[in-house]
Amino acid sequence: MTRSSRYGAPLIAALGLTVALAGCQRLGYGSQSAPLPATPTAPVASQSLEPLQPMSPTLGPDGQPIQSAPLDGAQTNVAAVDPSAGTAPSGPPAGAREIGRSDMLGGWSIASGADNCKLFMTLTTWSGGYRANSRGCASPQMQTISAWDLQGKQVLLKDASGATVAELYATGAENFSGRTTSGSPIQVYR
């Protein structure tokens, strides 16, 4: 064995190990980076909240405020109605806006009586209209909503059998008011 081969192999191995370790340090394996400085935060301020503004009255399909029962439990006078007289079909209220199917798509909020829940409408065809569903409604009537349809300026909310649950008219860009088939006022908005 020659002297160069006896020292050459270990020298090459040591040199290779040195290069490998130097490469690791260059990639950051051997050193730790300095921690980032803390971000300054603004102090939290507190102040009293202003009182809530009273809600605007719910509007009926005719655009007039809907009268609700008195809160003190007092009786109100109600005129008698002849059930055999029927009802004449009422047209859209004055000021009802023109709407298209795409105006109805997406998520909405429903307010009807004590119910405040969500309504979702799509353009998937369904019995007598398009697919809809309600979420979080306490009222059995609102829970049955499964379809919607557009007839002129009128939006009809329907149950799975295609029976009308509520009739609505646009009173604003994203606000619809009307009545359920049981006579309760209903508002759909976002």
Protein backbone atom coordinates (compact mmCIF):
# COMPACT_ATOMS: atom_id res chain seq x y z
CA MET A 1 0.00 0.00 0.00
CA THR A 2 1.26 3.38 -0.86
CA ARG A 3 1.33 6.25 1.44
CA SER A 4 -1.11 8.31 -0.67
CA SER A 5 -3.70 5.54 -0.78
CA ARG A 6 -3.37 4.92 2.95
CA TYR A 7 -4.07 8.59 3.78
CA GLY A 8 -6.15 9.35 0.67
CA ALA A 9 -9.27 7.31 1.47
CA PRO A 10 -9.77 8.66 5.00
CA LEU A 11 -8.92 12.17 3.79
CA ILE A 12 -11.55 11.97 1.04
CA ALA A 13 -14.10 10.61 3.55
CA ALA A 14 -13.33 13.42 6.02
CA LEU A 15 -13.52 16.01 3.25
CA GLY A 16 -16.89 14.59 2.10
CA LEU A 17 -18.24 14.65 5.65
CA THR A 18 -17.10 18.26 6.07
CA VAL A 19 -18.83 19.30 2.84
CA ALA A 20 -22.03 17.48 3.89
CA LEU A 21 -22.09 19.17 7.31
CA ALA A 22 -21.33 22.56 5.79
CA GLY A 23 -24.22 22.08 3.38
CA CYS A 24 -26.57 21.31 6.26
CA GLN A 25 -25.60 24.46 8.08
CA ARG A 26 -26.12 26.53 4.97
CA LEU A 27 -29.70 25.24 4.78
CA GLY A 28 -30.38 26.23 8.36
CA TYR A 29 -30.43 22.79 9.96
CA GLY A 30 -27.71 23.57 12.43
CA SER A 31 -28.71 27.07 13.50
CA GLN A 32 -31.80 28.55 15.05
CA SER A 33 -33.22 31.81 13.71
CA ALA A 34 -33.79 34.69 16.06
CA PRO A 35 -37.37 35.00 17.38
CA LEU A 36 -39.58 37.65 15.80
CA PRO A 37 -40.27 40.76 17.83
CA ALA A 38 -43.68 41.01 19.47
CA THR A 39 -46.29 42.97 17.53
CA PRO A 40 -47.57 46.06 19.27
CA THR A 41 -51.28 45.96 20.03
CA ALA A 42 -53.60 48.89 20.47
CA PRO A 43 -55.17 49.20 23.91
CA VAL A 44 -58.80 48.13 24.21
CA ALA A 45 -61.17 51.02 24.76
CA SER A 46 -64.57 50.75 26.37
CA GLN A 47 -67.53 53.03 26.05
CA SER A 48 -71.24 52.78 26.65
CA LEU A 49 -73.46 51.64 23.80
CA GLU A 50 -76.20 53.82 22.43
CA PRO A 51 -79.76 52.60 23.02
CA LEU A 52 -81.33 50.48 20.29
CA GLN A 53 -83.59 52.22 17.82
CA PRO A 54 -87.16 50.92 17.70
CA MET A 55 -87.82 48.57 14.79
CA SER A 56 -89.65 49.94 11.81
CA PRO A 57 -93.14 48.47 11.45
CA THR A 58 -93.61 45.34 9.36
CA LEU A 59 -95.28 46.23 6.08
CA GLY A 60 -98.06 44.16 4.58
CA PRO A 61 -98.46 43.29 0.88
CA ASP A 62 -100.31 46.58 0.41
CA GLY A 63 -97.31 48.54 1.74
CA GLN A 64 -99.17 49.61 4.89
CA PRO A 65 -97.96 48.83 8.44
CA ILE A 66 -99.38 45.62 9.89
CA GLN A 67 -101.16 46.08 13.20
CA SER A 68 -100.21 43.55 15.86
CA ALA A 69 -102.11 42.49 18.96
CA PRO A 70 -101.67 44.73 22.01
CA LEU A 71 -99.06 43.49 24.46
CA ASP A 72 -101.14 44.21 27.55
CA GLY A 73 -103.64 41.42 26.74
CA ALA A 74 -106.51 43.84 26.07
CA GLN A 75 -109.19 42.70 23.65
CA THR A 76 -109.46 44.37 20.28
CA ASN A 77 -112.63 44.74 18.27
CA VAL A 78 -112.67 42.66 15.11
CA ALA A 79 -115.30 42.84 12.40
CA ALA A 80 -117.10 39.59 11.56
CA VAL A 81 -116.28 38.06 8.20
CA ASP A 82 -118.65 35.89 6.20
CA PRO A 83 -116.59 32.75 5.37
CA SER A 84 -118.87 31.90 2.44
CA ALA A 85 -118.18 35.25 0.78
CA GLY A 86 -114.70 34.17 -0.45
CA THR A 87 -111.90 36.55 -1.18
CA ALA A 88 -111.30 38.42 -4.35
CA PRO A 89 -107.81 37.86 -5.73
CA SER A 90 -105.76 40.89 -4.87
CA GLY A 91 -103.21 42.16 -7.31
CA PRO A 92 -99.76 43.35 -6.42
CA PRO A 93 -99.68 46.26 -3.98
CA ALA A 94 -98.85 49.70 -5.25
CA GLY A 95 -95.10 50.03 -5.40
CA ALA A 96 -94.42 46.29 -5.78
CA ARG A 97 -91.14 45.89 -7.65
CA GLU A 98 -90.39 43.80 -10.72
CA ILE A 99 -88.21 40.82 -9.85
CA GLY A 100 -86.45 38.03 -11.71
CA ARG A 101 -85.63 34.47 -10.69
CA SER A 102 -81.95 35.26 -10.15
CA ASP A 103 -82.94 38.00 -7.65
CA MET A 104 -84.30 35.28 -5.36
CA LEU A 105 -81.27 32.97 -5.22
CA GLY A 106 -79.28 32.41 -2.05
CA GLY A 107 -79.85 32.80 1.65
CA TRP A 108 -82.61 34.89 3.22
CA SER A 109 -84.00 35.56 6.69
CA ILE A 110 -87.68 34.96 7.49
CA ALA A 111 -89.66 36.88 10.11
CA SER A 112 -93.21 35.69 10.68
CA GLY A 113 -94.91 36.03 14.04
CA ALA A 114 -92.42 34.83 16.65
CA ASP A 115 -90.43 32.94 13.99
CA ASN A 116 -87.02 34.19 12.89
CA CYS A 117 -85.29 31.62 10.72
CA LYS A 118 -83.40 31.10 7.46
CA LEU A 119 -84.59 30.37 3.92
CA PHE A 120 -82.41 29.14 1.05
CA MET A 121 -83.58 29.29 -2.58
CA THR A 122 -82.03 27.67 -5.68
CA LEU A 123 -82.96 27.27 -9.36
CA THR A 124 -83.19 23.47 -9.11
CA THR A 125 -86.63 22.55 -10.46
CA TRP A 126 -89.02 21.17 -7.86
CA SER A 127 -92.74 20.45 -7.56
CA GLY A 128 -94.45 23.52 -8.99
CA GLY A 129 -91.38 25.74 -8.99
CA TYR A 130 -87.82 25.73 -7.71
CA ARG A 131 -86.14 24.14 -4.71
CA ALA A 132 -86.17 25.98 -1.37
CA ASN A 133 -85.68 24.97 2.25
CA SER A 134 -86.00 26.60 5.63
CA ARG A 135 -83.74 26.13 8.64
CA GLY A 136 -84.34 26.86 12.30
CA CYS A 137 -88.04 27.66 11.97
CA ALA A 138 -90.20 26.90 15.02
CA SER A 139 -93.52 27.25 13.18
CA PRO A 140 -94.70 23.99 11.56
CA GLN A 141 -95.97 26.05 8.62
CA MET A 142 -92.54 27.61 7.99
CA GLN A 143 -90.84 24.21 8.39
CA THR A 144 -92.79 22.86 5.39
CA ILE A 145 -91.33 25.32 2.87
CA SER A 146 -89.64 23.25 0.16
CA ALA A 147 -90.26 25.18 -3.06
CA TRP A 148 -90.75 28.68 -4.45
CA ASP A 149 -92.17 30.08 -7.66
CA LEU A 150 -92.38 33.46 -9.32
CA GLN A 151 -95.68 34.61 -10.87
CA GLY A 152 -95.34 38.15 -12.19
CA LYS A 153 -94.42 40.36 -9.23
CA GLN A 154 -95.52 37.71 -6.72
CA VAL A 155 -93.25 35.16 -5.02
CA LEU A 156 -94.99 32.02 -3.80
CA LEU A 157 -93.45 29.85 -1.08
CA LYS A 158 -94.75 26.28 -1.32
CA ASP A 159 -94.68 23.01 0.60
CA ALA A 160 -93.61 19.61 -0.80
CA SER A 161 -97.07 18.95 -2.27
CA GLY A 162 -97.01 22.27 -4.16
CA ALA A 163 -99.56 23.97 -1.88
CA THR A 164 -98.89 27.65 -1.23
CA VAL A 165 -97.47 28.45 2.22
CA ALA A 166 -97.01 32.22 1.71
CA GLU A 167 -97.40 34.95 -0.91
CA LEU A 168 -94.82 37.75 -1.06
CA TYR A 169 -94.20 40.97 -2.99
CA ALA A 170 -90.94 42.91 -3.26
CA THR A 171 -91.07 46.04 -1.12
CA GLY A 172 -87.36 46.81 -1.51
CA ALA A 173 -84.27 45.59 -3.33
CA GLU A 174 -83.81 42.72 -0.86
CA ASN A 175 -87.03 42.86 1.16
CA PHE A 176 -90.27 40.95 0.54
CA SER A 177 -93.47 41.26 2.55
CA GLY A 178 -96.70 39.32 2.43
CA ARG A 179 -98.96 36.86 4.24
CA THR A 180 -98.93 33.18 4.97
CA THR A 181 -101.97 31.12 4.01
CA SER A 182 -102.97 31.17 7.70
CA GLY A 183 -103.06 34.99 7.53
CA SER A 184 -99.88 35.77 9.48
CA PRO A 185 -97.66 38.55 8.18
CA ILE A 186 -94.33 37.37 6.78
CA GLN A 187 -91.19 39.22 5.81
CA VAL A 188 -88.28 37.74 3.83
CA TYR A 189 -85.12 39.84 3.71
CA ARG A 190 -81.33 39.85 3.59
